[in-house]
Amino acid sequence: MLAGTKEFIEKAKLNRQRLGGGMRQAGIIAAPGIYALENMIERLKDDNDKAKQLAEKLSSIEGLFINLIDVPTNIISVTIHHNEMDADKLINELRGKRIKVKKIGTKKIRMIVHYLITNEHIDYVVSRFRELLEGKG
């Protein structure tokens, strides 16, 4: 049981979701995780390195902030510091360019790099972000 203000409960629900508490049938999700631990450990460094590369390139774009110290894995949190852009608008714009990101706040998104992401994909994503936020291609 959890008790608190409405704001506190909403924040707790969001944190629960971020930690996977909204999942049903967790065993189905656990199976690929077990497979990864047993078969993919050696190549996880590739995903982490690509995430770091993407984070570094995105952090050079005006209107975005990424704490590069917070990118030790394949997960990147991006804060939007752009007057005309929030997470919803950016997500909608990116969706039209075949880029999926997750909203984790009004001005914050999360991106995950996986084994199918190539250097070409990273360059494509960076170019699309740059177009949207700086008006350049």
Protein backbone atom coordinates (compact mmCIF):
# COMPACT_ATOMS: atom_id res chain seq x y z
CA MET A 1 0.00 0.00 0.00
CA LEU A 2 1.17 3.50 -0.77
CA ALA A 3 -0.27 6.70 0.63
CA GLY A 4 0.44 10.32 -0.19
CA THR A 5 -0.66 13.36 -2.14
CA LYS A 6 -2.08 13.01 -5.64
CA GLU A 7 1.22 14.33 -7.05
CA PHE A 8 3.21 11.80 -5.00
CA ILE A 9 1.01 8.89 -6.15
CA GLU A 10 1.29 9.93 -9.81
CA LYS A 11 5.07 10.09 -9.50
CA ALA A 12 5.12 6.68 -7.81
CA LYS A 13 3.00 5.17 -10.61
CA LEU A 14 5.37 6.59 -13.23
CA ASN A 15 8.40 5.19 -11.40
CA ARG A 16 6.69 1.81 -11.03
CA GLN A 17 6.07 1.76 -14.78
CA ARG A 18 9.67 2.72 -15.54
CA LEU A 19 10.86 -0.18 -13.39
CA GLY A 20 8.57 -2.63 -15.18
CA GLY A 21 5.75 -2.73 -12.64
CA GLY A 22 3.11 -2.28 -15.32
CA MET A 23 4.04 -5.54 -17.06
CA ARG A 24 1.81 -8.55 -17.27
CA GLN A 25 3.12 -11.96 -18.17
CA ALA A 26 6.62 -11.06 -17.02
CA GLY A 27 7.86 -14.58 -17.78
CA ILE A 28 7.43 -13.94 -21.48
CA ILE A 29 9.66 -10.92 -21.14
CA ALA A 30 12.10 -12.75 -18.87
CA ALA A 31 12.80 -15.48 -21.46
CA PRO A 32 14.68 -13.21 -23.91
CA GLY A 33 16.53 -11.70 -20.95
CA ILE A 34 17.70 -15.13 -19.86
CA TYR A 35 18.72 -15.91 -23.44
CA ALA A 36 20.67 -12.65 -23.62
CA LEU A 37 22.48 -13.39 -20.37
CA GLU A 38 23.40 -16.88 -21.55
CA ASN A 39 24.31 -16.04 -25.16
CA MET A 40 24.84 -12.33 -25.77
CA ILE A 41 27.00 -10.95 -22.95
CA GLU A 42 30.08 -10.64 -25.16
CA ARG A 43 28.31 -8.39 -27.67
CA LEU A 44 26.47 -6.12 -25.18
CA LYS A 45 29.49 -3.82 -25.26
CA ASP A 46 28.64 -3.06 -28.91
CA ASP A 47 25.17 -1.80 -27.95
CA ASN A 48 26.59 0.26 -25.11
CA ASP A 49 29.28 1.76 -27.34
CA LYS A 50 26.71 2.67 -30.01
CA ALA A 51 24.49 4.26 -27.37
CA LYS A 52 27.43 6.33 -26.16
CA GLN A 53 28.18 7.36 -29.76
CA LEU A 54 24.54 8.35 -30.35
CA ALA A 55 24.41 10.24 -27.04
CA GLU A 56 27.58 12.18 -27.83
CA LYS A 57 26.31 13.17 -31.27
CA LEU A 58 22.86 14.15 -30.00
CA SER A 59 24.34 16.18 -27.16
CA SER A 60 25.98 18.45 -29.74
CA ILE A 61 22.54 19.52 -31.01
CA GLU A 62 21.27 22.82 -29.68
CA GLY A 63 18.12 22.25 -27.65
CA LEU A 64 19.05 18.83 -26.30
CA PHE A 65 20.79 17.86 -23.08
CA ILE A 66 22.21 14.44 -22.33
CA ASN A 67 24.28 13.76 -19.24
CA LEU A 68 26.94 11.61 -20.89
CA ILE A 69 27.95 10.14 -17.54
CA ASP A 70 24.43 8.65 -17.40
CA VAL A 71 24.99 6.51 -20.51
CA PRO A 72 26.78 3.43 -19.16
CA THR A 73 24.34 1.08 -20.93
CA ASN A 74 22.27 1.10 -24.11
CA ILE A 75 19.65 3.46 -22.61
CA ILE A 76 19.82 7.20 -23.33
CA SER A 77 17.73 9.83 -21.51
CA VAL A 78 17.36 13.08 -23.44
CA THR A 79 16.11 16.35 -21.95
CA ILE A 80 14.61 18.82 -24.40
CA HIS A 81 15.70 22.44 -23.82
CA HIS A 82 13.89 23.93 -26.79
CA ASN A 83 11.20 26.60 -26.45
CA GLU A 84 9.05 25.31 -29.30
CA MET A 85 9.43 21.57 -28.68
CA ASP A 86 8.20 19.24 -25.96
CA ALA A 87 8.30 15.45 -25.75
CA ASP A 88 4.89 14.93 -27.38
CA LYS A 89 5.65 17.15 -30.36
CA LEU A 90 9.12 15.64 -30.83
CA ILE A 91 7.77 12.08 -30.60
CA ASN A 92 5.13 12.84 -33.24
CA GLU A 93 7.68 14.43 -35.56
CA LEU A 94 10.12 11.54 -35.11
CA ARG A 95 7.41 8.93 -35.66
CA GLY A 96 6.87 10.40 -39.13
CA LYS A 97 10.56 9.81 -39.78
CA ARG A 98 10.42 6.16 -38.60
CA ILE A 99 12.17 6.87 -35.28
CA LYS A 100 10.61 5.50 -32.10
CA VAL A 101 11.35 7.04 -28.71
CA LYS A 102 9.51 6.89 -25.39
CA LYS A 103 8.19 9.84 -23.44
CA ILE A 104 9.38 9.85 -19.83
CA GLY A 105 8.45 13.43 -18.98
CA THR A 106 7.00 16.61 -20.46
CA LYS A 107 10.42 17.55 -21.85
CA LYS A 108 12.18 14.19 -21.61
CA ILE A 109 12.46 11.12 -23.83
CA ARG A 110 14.25 7.79 -23.65
CA MET A 111 16.01 5.97 -26.47
CA ILE A 112 17.34 2.42 -26.48
CA VAL A 113 20.03 1.07 -28.80
CA HIS A 114 19.91 -2.64 -29.68
CA TYR A 115 21.89 -5.06 -31.80
CA LEU A 116 20.10 -4.18 -35.06
CA ILE A 117 21.09 -0.49 -34.86
CA THR A 118 23.91 0.37 -37.26
CA ASN A 119 26.18 3.39 -37.57
CA GLU A 120 24.03 4.45 -40.54
CA HIS A 121 20.95 4.40 -38.31
CA ILE A 122 22.73 6.55 -35.74
CA ASP A 123 23.67 9.09 -38.42
CA TYR A 124 20.07 9.09 -39.70
CA VAL A 125 18.65 9.70 -36.20
CA VAL A 126 21.11 12.51 -35.50
CA SER A 127 20.30 14.17 -38.83
CA ARG A 128 16.56 14.02 -38.16
CA PHE A 129 16.98 15.49 -34.66
CA ARG A 130 19.17 18.24 -36.09
CA GLU A 131 16.54 19.07 -38.75
CA LEU A 132 13.78 19.28 -36.17
CA LEU A 133 15.64 21.25 -33.53
CA GLU A 134 18.08 23.37 -35.50
CA GLY A 135 16.32 23.50 -38.86
CA LYS A 136 19.33 21.98 -40.63
CA GLY A 137 19.72 18.73 -42.54
